[in-house]
Amino acid sequence: RYTESGPQGLAGGKHVIVASGRGGQYGEA
């Protein structure tokens, strides 16, 4: 939701794990 102080996430408390596959090499950032 949007508040006077900016956006606020409402779906906290979850643990998300992403399995990422990449043809090339990108590294961190």
mmCIF file of all heavy atoms, coordinates in Angstrom:
data_MODEL
# 
_entry.id   MODEL 
# 
loop_
_atom_site.group_PDB 
_atom_site.id 
_atom_site.type_symbol 
_atom_site.label_atom_id 
_atom_site.label_alt_id 
_atom_site.label_comp_id 
_atom_site.label_asym_id 
_atom_site.label_entity_id 
_atom_site.label_seq_id 
_atom_site.pdbx_PDB_ins_code 
_atom_site.Cartn_x 
_atom_site.Cartn_y 
_atom_site.Cartn_z 
_atom_site.occupancy 
_atom_site.B_iso_or_equiv 
_atom_site.pdbx_formal_charge 
_atom_site.auth_seq_id 
_atom_site.auth_comp_id 
_atom_site.auth_asym_id 
_atom_site.auth_atom_id 
_atom_site.pdbx_PDB_model_num 
ATOM 1   N N   . ARG A 1 1  ? 0.847  -1.187  0.000   1.00 0.00 ? 1  ARG A N   1 
ATOM 2   C CA  . ARG A 1 1  ? 0.000  0.000   0.000   1.00 0.00 ? 1  ARG A CA  1 
ATOM 3   C C   . ARG A 1 1  ? 0.881  1.234   0.000   1.00 0.00 ? 1  ARG A C   1 
ATOM 4   O O   . ARG A 1 1  ? 2.054  1.181   0.360   1.00 0.00 ? 1  ARG A O   1 
ATOM 5   C CB  . ARG A 1 1  ? -0.945 0.008   1.185   1.00 0.00 ? 1  ARG A CB  1 
ATOM 6   C CG  . ARG A 1 1  ? -0.241 0.194   2.505   1.00 0.00 ? 1  ARG A CG  1 
ATOM 7   C CD  . ARG A 1 1  ? -1.222 0.225   3.646   1.00 0.00 ? 1  ARG A CD  1 
ATOM 8   N NE  . ARG A 1 1  ? -0.473 0.233   4.914   1.00 0.00 ? 1  ARG A NE  1 
ATOM 9   C CZ  . ARG A 1 1  ? -1.015 0.087   6.086   1.00 0.00 ? 1  ARG A CZ  1 
ATOM 10  N NH1 . ARG A 1 1  ? -2.307 -0.086  6.193   1.00 0.00 ? 1  ARG A NH1 1 
ATOM 11  N NH2 . ARG A 1 1  ? -0.281 0.106   7.170   1.00 0.00 ? 1  ARG A NH2 1 
ATOM 12  N N   . TYR A 1 2  ? 0.299  2.319   -0.408  1.00 0.00 ? 2  TYR A N   1 
ATOM 13  C CA  . TYR A 1 2  ? 0.986  3.602   -0.375  1.00 0.00 ? 2  TYR A CA  1 
ATOM 14  C C   . TYR A 1 2  ? 0.513  4.373   0.846   1.00 0.00 ? 2  TYR A C   1 
ATOM 15  O O   . TYR A 1 2  ? -0.682 4.410   1.131   1.00 0.00 ? 2  TYR A O   1 
ATOM 16  C CB  . TYR A 1 2  ? 0.727  4.393   -1.656  1.00 0.00 ? 2  TYR A CB  1 
ATOM 17  C CG  . TYR A 1 2  ? 1.368  3.774   -2.872  1.00 0.00 ? 2  TYR A CG  1 
ATOM 18  C CD1 . TYR A 1 2  ? 0.607  3.116   -3.829  1.00 0.00 ? 2  TYR A CD1 1 
ATOM 19  C CD2 . TYR A 1 2  ? 2.750  3.812   -3.038  1.00 0.00 ? 2  TYR A CD2 1 
ATOM 20  C CE1 . TYR A 1 2  ? 1.195  2.530   -4.935  1.00 0.00 ? 2  TYR A CE1 1 
ATOM 21  C CE2 . TYR A 1 2  ? 3.350  3.218   -4.144  1.00 0.00 ? 2  TYR A CE2 1 
ATOM 22  C CZ  . TYR A 1 2  ? 2.562  2.586   -5.085  1.00 0.00 ? 2  TYR A CZ  1 
ATOM 23  O OH  . TYR A 1 2  ? 3.158  1.994   -6.180  1.00 0.00 ? 2  TYR A OH  1 
ATOM 24  N N   . THR A 1 3  ? 1.480  4.945   1.557   1.00 0.00 ? 3  THR A N   1 
ATOM 25  C CA  . THR A 1 3  ? 1.175  5.741   2.737   1.00 0.00 ? 3  THR A CA  1 
ATOM 26  C C   . THR A 1 3  ? 1.773  7.127   2.548   1.00 0.00 ? 3  THR A C   1 
ATOM 27  O O   . THR A 1 3  ? 2.500  7.380   1.581   1.00 0.00 ? 3  THR A O   1 
ATOM 28  C CB  . THR A 1 3  ? 1.772  5.095   4.002   1.00 0.00 ? 3  THR A CB  1 
ATOM 29  O OG1 . THR A 1 3  ? 3.204  5.207   3.948   1.00 0.00 ? 3  THR A OG1 1 
ATOM 30  C CG2 . THR A 1 3  ? 1.369  3.629   4.129   1.00 0.00 ? 3  THR A CG2 1 
ATOM 31  N N   . GLU A 1 4  ? 1.509  8.004   3.478   1.00 0.00 ? 4  GLU A N   1 
ATOM 32  C CA  . GLU A 1 4  ? 2.068  9.353   3.413   1.00 0.00 ? 4  GLU A CA  1 
ATOM 33  C C   . GLU A 1 4  ? 3.593  9.324   3.442   1.00 0.00 ? 4  GLU A C   1 
ATOM 34  O O   . GLU A 1 4  ? 4.249  10.218  2.919   1.00 0.00 ? 4  GLU A O   1 
ATOM 35  C CB  . GLU A 1 4  ? 1.543  10.212  4.564   1.00 0.00 ? 4  GLU A CB  1 
ATOM 36  C CG  . GLU A 1 4  ? 0.080  10.562  4.421   1.00 0.00 ? 4  GLU A CG  1 
ATOM 37  C CD  . GLU A 1 4  ? -0.439 11.396  5.569   1.00 0.00 ? 4  GLU A CD  1 
ATOM 38  O OE1 . GLU A 1 4  ? 0.367  11.841  6.428   1.00 0.00 ? 4  GLU A OE1 1 
ATOM 39  O OE2 . GLU A 1 4  ? -1.667 11.612  5.611   1.00 0.00 ? 4  GLU A OE2 1 
ATOM 40  N N   . SER A 1 5  ? 4.162  8.288   4.049   1.00 0.00 ? 5  SER A N   1 
ATOM 41  C CA  . SER A 1 5  ? 5.627  8.192   4.132   1.00 0.00 ? 5  SER A CA  1 
ATOM 42  C C   . SER A 1 5  ? 6.216  7.272   3.053   1.00 0.00 ? 5  SER A C   1 
ATOM 43  O O   . SER A 1 5  ? 7.383  6.940   3.100   1.00 0.00 ? 5  SER A O   1 
ATOM 44  C CB  . SER A 1 5  ? 6.044  7.721   5.524   1.00 0.00 ? 5  SER A CB  1 
ATOM 45  O OG  . SER A 1 5  ? 5.452  6.478   5.822   1.00 0.00 ? 5  SER A OG  1 
ATOM 46  N N   . GLY A 1 6  ? 5.378  6.870   2.093   1.00 0.00 ? 6  GLY A N   1 
ATOM 47  C CA  . GLY A 1 6  ? 5.880  6.045   0.997   1.00 0.00 ? 6  GLY A CA  1 
ATOM 48  C C   . GLY A 1 6  ? 5.229  4.681   0.981   1.00 0.00 ? 6  GLY A C   1 
ATOM 49  O O   . GLY A 1 6  ? 4.319  4.391   1.767   1.00 0.00 ? 6  GLY A O   1 
ATOM 50  N N   . PRO A 1 7  ? 5.697  3.805   0.080   1.00 0.00 ? 7  PRO A N   1 
ATOM 51  C CA  . PRO A 1 7  ? 5.084  2.477   -0.022  1.00 0.00 ? 7  PRO A CA  1 
ATOM 52  C C   . PRO A 1 7  ? 5.398  1.610   1.194   1.00 0.00 ? 7  PRO A C   1 
ATOM 53  O O   . PRO A 1 7  ? 6.444  1.749   1.824   1.00 0.00 ? 7  PRO A O   1 
ATOM 54  C CB  . PRO A 1 7  ? 5.706  1.893   -1.293  1.00 0.00 ? 7  PRO A CB  1 
ATOM 55  C CG  . PRO A 1 7  ? 6.945  2.666   -1.523  1.00 0.00 ? 7  PRO A CG  1 
ATOM 56  C CD  . PRO A 1 7  ? 6.763  4.011   -0.898  1.00 0.00 ? 7  PRO A CD  1 
ATOM 57  N N   . GLN A 1 8  ? 4.470  0.720   1.494   1.00 0.00 ? 8  GLN A N   1 
ATOM 58  C CA  . GLN A 1 8  ? 4.633  -0.212  2.611   1.00 0.00 ? 8  GLN A CA  1 
ATOM 59  C C   . GLN A 1 8  ? 4.251  -1.607  2.129   1.00 0.00 ? 8  GLN A C   1 
ATOM 60  O O   . GLN A 1 8  ? 3.146  -1.807  1.607   1.00 0.00 ? 8  GLN A O   1 
ATOM 61  C CB  . GLN A 1 8  ? 3.735  0.195   3.779   1.00 0.00 ? 8  GLN A CB  1 
ATOM 62  C CG  . GLN A 1 8  ? 3.806  -0.764  4.948   1.00 0.00 ? 8  GLN A CG  1 
ATOM 63  C CD  . GLN A 1 8  ? 2.801  -0.387  6.035   1.00 0.00 ? 8  GLN A CD  1 
ATOM 64  O OE1 . GLN A 1 8  ? 1.745  0.166   5.752   1.00 0.00 ? 8  GLN A OE1 1 
ATOM 65  N NE2 . GLN A 1 8  ? 3.146  -0.696  7.267   1.00 0.00 ? 8  GLN A NE2 1 
ATOM 66  N N   . GLY A 1 9  ? 5.171  -2.552  2.298   1.00 0.00 ? 9  GLY A N   1 
ATOM 67  C CA  . GLY A 1 9  ? 4.887  -3.938  1.940   1.00 0.00 ? 9  GLY A CA  1 
ATOM 68  C C   . GLY A 1 9  ? 3.984  -4.587  2.959   1.00 0.00 ? 9  GLY A C   1 
ATOM 69  O O   . GLY A 1 9  ? 4.132  -4.351  4.156   1.00 0.00 ? 9  GLY A O   1 
ATOM 70  N N   . LEU A 1 10 ? 3.054  -5.389  2.486   1.00 0.00 ? 10 LEU A N   1 
ATOM 71  C CA  . LEU A 1 10 ? 2.091  -6.055  3.361   1.00 0.00 ? 10 LEU A CA  1 
ATOM 72  C C   . LEU A 1 10 ? 2.244  -7.573  3.359   1.00 0.00 ? 10 LEU A C   1 
ATOM 73  O O   . LEU A 1 10 ? 1.455  -8.274  3.971   1.00 0.00 ? 10 LEU A O   1 
ATOM 74  C CB  . LEU A 1 10 ? 0.660  -5.688  2.924   1.00 0.00 ? 10 LEU A CB  1 
ATOM 75  C CG  . LEU A 1 10 ? 0.318  -4.201  2.917   1.00 0.00 ? 10 LEU A CG  1 
ATOM 76  C CD1 . LEU A 1 10 ? -1.076 -3.986  2.332   1.00 0.00 ? 10 LEU A CD1 1 
ATOM 77  C CD2 . LEU A 1 10 ? 0.430  -3.609  4.317   1.00 0.00 ? 10 LEU A CD2 1 
ATOM 78  N N   . ALA A 1 11 ? 3.252  -8.079  2.645   1.00 0.00 ? 11 ALA A N   1 
ATOM 79  C CA  . ALA A 1 11 ? 3.422  -9.537  2.513   1.00 0.00 ? 11 ALA A CA  1 
ATOM 80  C C   . ALA A 1 11 ? 4.651  -10.047 3.254   1.00 0.00 ? 11 ALA A C   1 
ATOM 81  O O   . ALA A 1 11 ? 5.200  -11.085 2.919   1.00 0.00 ? 11 ALA A O   1 
ATOM 82  C CB  . ALA A 1 11 ? 3.498  -9.912  1.033   1.00 0.00 ? 11 ALA A CB  1 
ATOM 83  N N   . GLY A 1 12 ? 5.079  -9.305  4.261   1.00 0.00 ? 12 GLY A N   1 
ATOM 84  C CA  . GLY A 1 12 ? 6.260  -9.709  5.026   1.00 0.00 ? 12 GLY A CA  1 
ATOM 85  C C   . GLY A 1 12 ? 6.031  -11.021 5.762   1.00 0.00 ? 12 GLY A C   1 
ATOM 86  O O   . GLY A 1 12 ? 4.916  -11.538 5.823   1.00 0.00 ? 12 GLY A O   1 
ATOM 87  N N   . GLY A 1 13 ? 7.107  -11.555 6.288   1.00 0.00 ? 13 GLY A N   1 
ATOM 88  C CA  . GLY A 1 13 ? 7.022  -12.796 7.045   1.00 0.00 ? 13 GLY A CA  1 
ATOM 89  C C   . GLY A 1 13 ? 7.243  -14.037 6.204   1.00 0.00 ? 13 GLY A C   1 
ATOM 90  O O   . GLY A 1 13 ? 7.340  -15.133 6.744   1.00 0.00 ? 13 GLY A O   1 
ATOM 91  N N   . LYS A 1 14 ? 7.315  -13.880 4.908   1.00 0.00 ? 14 LYS A N   1 
ATOM 92  C CA  . LYS A 1 14 ? 7.564  -15.021 4.028   1.00 0.00 ? 14 LYS A CA  1 
ATOM 93  C C   . LYS A 1 14 ? 9.071  -15.194 3.817   1.00 0.00 ? 14 LYS A C   1 
ATOM 94  O O   . LYS A 1 14 ? 9.835  -14.256 3.931   1.00 0.00 ? 14 LYS A O   1 
ATOM 95  C CB  . LYS A 1 14 ? 6.890  -14.808 2.669   1.00 0.00 ? 14 LYS A CB  1 
ATOM 96  C CG  . LYS A 1 14 ? 5.389  -14.730 2.760   1.00 0.00 ? 14 LYS A CG  1 
ATOM 97  C CD  . LYS A 1 14 ? 4.768  -14.580 1.406   1.00 0.00 ? 14 LYS A CD  1 
ATOM 98  C CE  . LYS A 1 14 ? 3.273  -14.392 1.504   1.00 0.00 ? 14 LYS A CE  1 
ATOM 99  N NZ  . LYS A 1 14 ? 2.583  -15.342 2.357   1.00 0.00 ? 14 LYS A NZ  1 
ATOM 100 N N   . HIS A 1 15 ? 9.431  -16.396 3.461   1.00 0.00 ? 15 HIS A N   1 
ATOM 101 C CA  . HIS A 1 15 ? 10.818 -16.719 3.120   1.00 0.00 ? 15 HIS A CA  1 
ATOM 102 C C   . HIS A 1 15 ? 10.804 -17.101 1.647   1.00 0.00 ? 15 HIS A C   1 
ATOM 103 O O   . HIS A 1 15 ? 10.134 -18.058 1.267   1.00 0.00 ? 15 HIS A O   1 
ATOM 104 C CB  . HIS A 1 15 ? 11.302 -17.875 3.984   1.00 0.00 ? 15 HIS A CB  1 
ATOM 105 C CG  . HIS A 1 15 ? 12.731 -18.218 3.822   1.00 0.00 ? 15 HIS A CG  1 
ATOM 106 N ND1 . HIS A 1 15 ? 13.374 -19.089 4.669   1.00 0.00 ? 15 HIS A ND1 1 
ATOM 107 C CD2 . HIS A 1 15 ? 13.669 -17.835 2.927   1.00 0.00 ? 15 HIS A CD2 1 
ATOM 108 C CE1 . HIS A 1 15 ? 14.646 -19.217 4.293   1.00 0.00 ? 15 HIS A CE1 1 
ATOM 109 N NE2 . HIS A 1 15 ? 14.828 -18.467 3.231   1.00 0.00 ? 15 HIS A NE2 1 
ATOM 110 N N   . VAL A 1 16 ? 11.501 -16.349 0.818   1.00 0.00 ? 16 VAL A N   1 
ATOM 111 C CA  . VAL A 1 16 ? 11.531 -16.606 -0.623  1.00 0.00 ? 16 VAL A CA  1 
ATOM 112 C C   . VAL A 1 16 ? 12.928 -17.086 -1.007  1.00 0.00 ? 16 VAL A C   1 
ATOM 113 O O   . VAL A 1 16 ? 13.933 -16.460 -0.649  1.00 0.00 ? 16 VAL A O   1 
ATOM 114 C CB  . VAL A 1 16 ? 11.151 -15.347 -1.436  1.00 0.00 ? 16 VAL A CB  1 
ATOM 115 C CG1 . VAL A 1 16 ? 11.282 -15.606 -2.924  1.00 0.00 ? 16 VAL A CG1 1 
ATOM 116 C CG2 . VAL A 1 16 ? 9.726  -14.914 -1.093  1.00 0.00 ? 16 VAL A CG2 1 
ATOM 117 N N   . ILE A 1 17 ? 12.974 -18.199 -1.740  1.00 0.00 ? 17 ILE A N   1 
ATOM 118 C CA  . ILE A 1 17 ? 14.236 -18.733 -2.244  1.00 0.00 ? 17 ILE A CA  1 
ATOM 119 C C   . ILE A 1 17 ? 14.105 -18.836 -3.759  1.00 0.00 ? 17 ILE A C   1 
ATOM 120 O O   . ILE A 1 17 ? 13.183 -19.475 -4.263  1.00 0.00 ? 17 ILE A O   1 
ATOM 121 C CB  . ILE A 1 17 ? 14.553 -20.119 -1.653  1.00 0.00 ? 17 ILE A CB  1 
ATOM 122 C CG1 . ILE A 1 17 ? 14.534 -20.060 -0.122  1.00 0.00 ? 17 ILE A CG1 1 
ATOM 123 C CG2 . ILE A 1 17 ? 15.909 -20.621 -2.162  1.00 0.00 ? 17 ILE A CG2 1 
ATOM 124 C CD1 . ILE A 1 17 ? 14.536 -21.424 0.543   1.00 0.00 ? 17 ILE A CD1 1 
ATOM 125 N N   . VAL A 1 18 ? 15.011 -18.189 -4.463  1.00 0.00 ? 18 VAL A N   1 
ATOM 126 C CA  . VAL A 1 18 ? 14.982 -18.168 -5.921  1.00 0.00 ? 18 VAL A CA  1 
ATOM 127 C C   . VAL A 1 18 ? 16.102 -19.058 -6.451  1.00 0.00 ? 18 VAL A C   1 
ATOM 128 O O   . VAL A 1 18 ? 17.276 -18.866 -6.118  1.00 0.00 ? 18 VAL A O   1 
ATOM 129 C CB  . VAL A 1 18 ? 15.149 -16.737 -6.464  1.00 0.00 ? 18 VAL A CB  1 
ATOM 130 C CG1 . VAL A 1 18 ? 15.180 -16.739 -7.995  1.00 0.00 ? 18 VAL A CG1 1 
ATOM 131 C CG2 . VAL A 1 18 ? 14.039 -15.828 -5.944  1.00 0.00 ? 18 VAL A CG2 1 
ATOM 132 N N   . ALA A 1 19 ? 15.736 -20.034 -7.275  1.00 0.00 ? 19 ALA A N   1 
ATOM 133 C CA  . ALA A 1 19 ? 16.714 -20.863 -7.992  1.00 0.00 ? 19 ALA A CA  1 
ATOM 134 C C   . ALA A 1 19 ? 16.952 -20.171 -9.328  1.00 0.00 ? 19 ALA A C   1 
ATOM 135 O O   . ALA A 1 19 ? 16.064 -20.117 -10.172 1.00 0.00 ? 19 ALA A O   1 
ATOM 136 C CB  . ALA A 1 19 ? 16.160 -22.268 -8.193  1.00 0.00 ? 19 ALA A CB  1 
ATOM 137 N N   . SER A 1 20 ? 18.144 -19.634 -9.489  1.00 0.00 ? 20 SER A N   1 
ATOM 138 C CA  . SER A 1 20 ? 18.469 -18.818 -10.653 1.00 0.00 ? 20 SER A CA  1 
ATOM 139 C C   . SER A 1 20 ? 19.419 -19.557 -11.588 1.00 0.00 ? 20 SER A C   1 
ATOM 140 O O   . SER A 1 20 ? 20.433 -20.090 -11.143 1.00 0.00 ? 20 SER A O   1 
ATOM 141 C CB  . SER A 1 20 ? 19.126 -17.512 -10.170 1.00 0.00 ? 20 SER A CB  1 
ATOM 142 O OG  . SER A 1 20 ? 19.675 -16.791 -11.241 1.00 0.00 ? 20 SER A OG  1 
ATOM 143 N N   . GLY A 1 21 ? 19.078 -19.571 -12.863 1.00 0.00 ? 21 GLY A N   1 
ATOM 144 C CA  . GLY A 1 21 ? 19.948 -20.172 -13.866 1.00 0.00 ? 21 GLY A CA  1 
ATOM 145 C C   . GLY A 1 21 ? 20.308 -19.122 -14.906 1.00 0.00 ? 21 GLY A C   1 
ATOM 146 O O   . GLY A 1 21 ? 19.442 -18.366 -15.354 1.00 0.00 ? 21 GLY A O   1 
ATOM 147 N N   . ARG A 1 22 ? 21.587 -19.085 -15.276 1.00 0.00 ? 22 ARG A N   1 
ATOM 148 C CA  . ARG A 1 22 ? 22.057 -18.079 -16.213 1.00 0.00 ? 22 ARG A CA  1 
ATOM 149 C C   . ARG A 1 22 ? 23.022 -18.717 -17.194 1.00 0.00 ? 22 ARG A C   1 
ATOM 150 O O   . ARG A 1 22 ? 23.951 -19.410 -16.794 1.00 0.00 ? 22 ARG A O   1 
ATOM 151 C CB  . ARG A 1 22 ? 22.774 -16.972 -15.453 1.00 0.00 ? 22 ARG A CB  1 
ATOM 152 C CG  . ARG A 1 22 ? 21.881 -16.272 -14.448 1.00 0.00 ? 22 ARG A CG  1 
ATOM 153 C CD  . ARG A 1 22 ? 22.698 -15.590 -13.389 1.00 0.00 ? 22 ARG A CD  1 
ATOM 154 N NE  . ARG A 1 22 ? 21.844 -14.758 -12.550 1.00 0.00 ? 22 ARG A NE  1 
ATOM 155 C CZ  . ARG A 1 22 ? 22.249 -13.645 -11.986 1.00 0.00 ? 22 ARG A CZ  1 
ATOM 156 N NH1 . ARG A 1 22 ? 23.476 -13.216 -12.140 1.00 0.00 ? 22 ARG A NH1 1 
ATOM 157 N NH2 . ARG A 1 22 ? 21.428 -12.955 -11.243 1.00 0.00 ? 22 ARG A NH2 1 
ATOM 158 N N   . GLY A 1 23 ? 22.801 -18.467 -18.464 1.00 0.00 ? 23 GLY A N   1 
ATOM 159 C CA  . GLY A 1 23 ? 23.701 -18.999 -19.481 1.00 0.00 ? 23 GLY A CA  1 
ATOM 160 C C   . GLY A 1 23 ? 25.086 -18.396 -19.395 1.00 0.00 ? 23 GLY A C   1 
ATOM 161 O O   . GLY A 1 23 ? 26.083 -19.069 -19.602 1.00 0.00 ? 23 GLY A O   1 
ATOM 162 N N   . GLY A 1 24 ? 25.160 -17.117 -19.056 1.00 0.00 ? 24 GLY A N   1 
ATOM 163 C CA  . GLY A 1 24 ? 26.441 -16.417 -18.908 1.00 0.00 ? 24 GLY A CA  1 
ATOM 164 C C   . GLY A 1 24 ? 26.804 -16.283 -17.446 1.00 0.00 ? 24 GLY A C   1 
ATOM 165 O O   . GLY A 1 24 ? 26.144 -16.828 -16.561 1.00 0.00 ? 24 GLY A O   1 
ATOM 166 N N   . GLN A 1 25 ? 27.878 -15.532 -17.206 1.00 0.00 ? 25 GLN A N   1 
ATOM 167 C CA  . GLN A 1 25 ? 28.322 -15.292 -15.832 1.00 0.00 ? 25 GLN A CA  1 
ATOM 168 C C   . GLN A 1 25 ? 28.192 -13.808 -15.535 1.00 0.00 ? 25 GLN A C   1 
ATOM 169 O O   . GLN A 1 25 ? 28.751 -12.970 -16.246 1.00 0.00 ? 25 GLN A O   1 
ATOM 170 C CB  . GLN A 1 25 ? 29.758 -15.765 -15.639 1.00 0.00 ? 25 GLN A CB  1 
ATOM 171 C CG  . GLN A 1 25 ? 29.858 -17.274 -15.726 1.00 0.00 ? 25 GLN A CG  1 
ATOM 172 C CD  . GLN A 1 25 ? 31.243 -17.802 -15.424 1.00 0.00 ? 25 GLN A CD  1 
ATOM 173 O OE1 . GLN A 1 25 ? 32.238 -17.141 -15.652 1.00 0.00 ? 25 GLN A OE1 1 
ATOM 174 N NE2 . GLN A 1 25 ? 31.293 -19.015 -14.909 1.00 0.00 ? 25 GLN A NE2 1 
ATOM 175 N N   . TYR A 1 26 ? 27.459 -13.507 -14.475 1.00 0.00 ? 26 TYR A N   1 
ATOM 176 C CA  . TYR A 1 26 ? 27.172 -12.117 -14.134 1.00 0.00 ? 26 TYR A CA  1 
ATOM 177 C C   . TYR A 1 26 ? 27.703 -11.715 -12.776 1.00 0.00 ? 26 TYR A C   1 
ATOM 178 O O   . TYR A 1 26 ? 28.002 -10.557 -12.553 1.00 0.00 ? 26 TYR A O   1 
ATOM 179 C CB  . TYR A 1 26 ? 25.659 -11.866 -14.217 1.00 0.00 ? 26 TYR A CB  1 
ATOM 180 C CG  . TYR A 1 26 ? 25.160 -12.068 -15.624 1.00 0.00 ? 26 TYR A CG  1 
ATOM 181 C CD1 . TYR A 1 26 ? 24.744 -13.316 -16.062 1.00 0.00 ? 26 TYR A CD1 1 
ATOM 182 C CD2 . TYR A 1 26 ? 25.165 -11.024 -16.530 1.00 0.00 ? 26 TYR A CD2 1 
ATOM 183 C CE1 . TYR A 1 26 ? 24.325 -13.515 -17.363 1.00 0.00 ? 26 TYR A CE1 1 
ATOM 184 C CE2 . TYR A 1 26 ? 24.747 -11.210 -17.838 1.00 0.00 ? 26 TYR A CE2 1 
ATOM 185 C CZ  . TYR A 1 26 ? 24.333 -12.461 -18.242 1.00 0.00 ? 26 TYR A CZ  1 
ATOM 186 O OH  . TYR A 1 26 ? 23.929 -12.658 -19.541 1.00 0.00 ? 26 TYR A OH  1 
ATOM 187 N N   . GLY A 1 27 ? 27.793 -12.648 -11.839 1.00 0.00 ? 27 GLY A N   1 
ATOM 188 C CA  . GLY A 1 27 ? 28.323 -12.327 -10.522 1.00 0.00 ? 27 GLY A CA  1 
ATOM 189 C C   . GLY A 1 27 ? 27.397 -11.418 -9.747  1.00 0.00 ? 27 GLY A C   1 
ATOM 190 O O   . GLY A 1 27 ? 26.264 -11.149 -10.135 1.00 0.00 ? 27 GLY A O   1 
ATOM 191 N N   . GLU A 1 28 ? 27.911 -10.915 -8.657  1.00 0.00 ? 28 GLU A N   1 
ATOM 192 C CA  . GLU A 1 28 ? 27.136 -10.039 -7.786  1.00 0.00 ? 28 GLU A CA  1 
ATOM 193 C C   . GLU A 1 28 ? 27.020 -8.643  -8.384  1.00 0.00 ? 28 GLU A C   1 
ATOM 194 O O   . GLU A 1 28 ? 28.000 -8.062  -8.837  1.00 0.00 ? 28 GLU A O   1 
ATOM 195 C CB  . GLU A 1 28 ? 27.823 -9.928  -6.414  1.00 0.00 ? 28 GLU A CB  1 
ATOM 196 C CG  . GLU A 1 28 ? 27.890 -11.224 -5.642  1.00 0.00 ? 28 GLU A CG  1 
ATOM 197 C CD  . GLU A 1 28 ? 26.558 -11.643 -5.069  1.00 0.00 ? 28 GLU A CD  1 
ATOM 198 O OE1 . GLU A 1 28 ? 25.726 -10.773 -4.780  1.00 0.00 ? 28 GLU A OE1 1 
ATOM 199 O OE2 . GLU A 1 28 ? 26.355 -12.860 -4.923  1.00 0.00 ? 28 GLU A OE2 1 
ATOM 200 N N   . ALA A 1 29 ? 25.848 -8.099  -8.398  1.00 0.00 ? 29 ALA A N   1 
ATOM 201 C CA  . ALA A 1 29 ? 25.569 -6.705  -8.759  1.00 0.00 ? 29 ALA A CA  1 
ATOM 202 C C   . ALA A 1 29 ? 26.058 -6.296  -10.148 1.00 0.00 ? 29 ALA A C   1 
ATOM 203 O O   . ALA A 1 29 ? 26.506 -5.192  -10.355 1.00 0.00 ? 29 ALA A O   1 
ATOM 204 C CB  . ALA A 1 29 ? 26.145 -5.775  -7.697  1.00 0.00 ? 29 ALA A CB  1 
# 
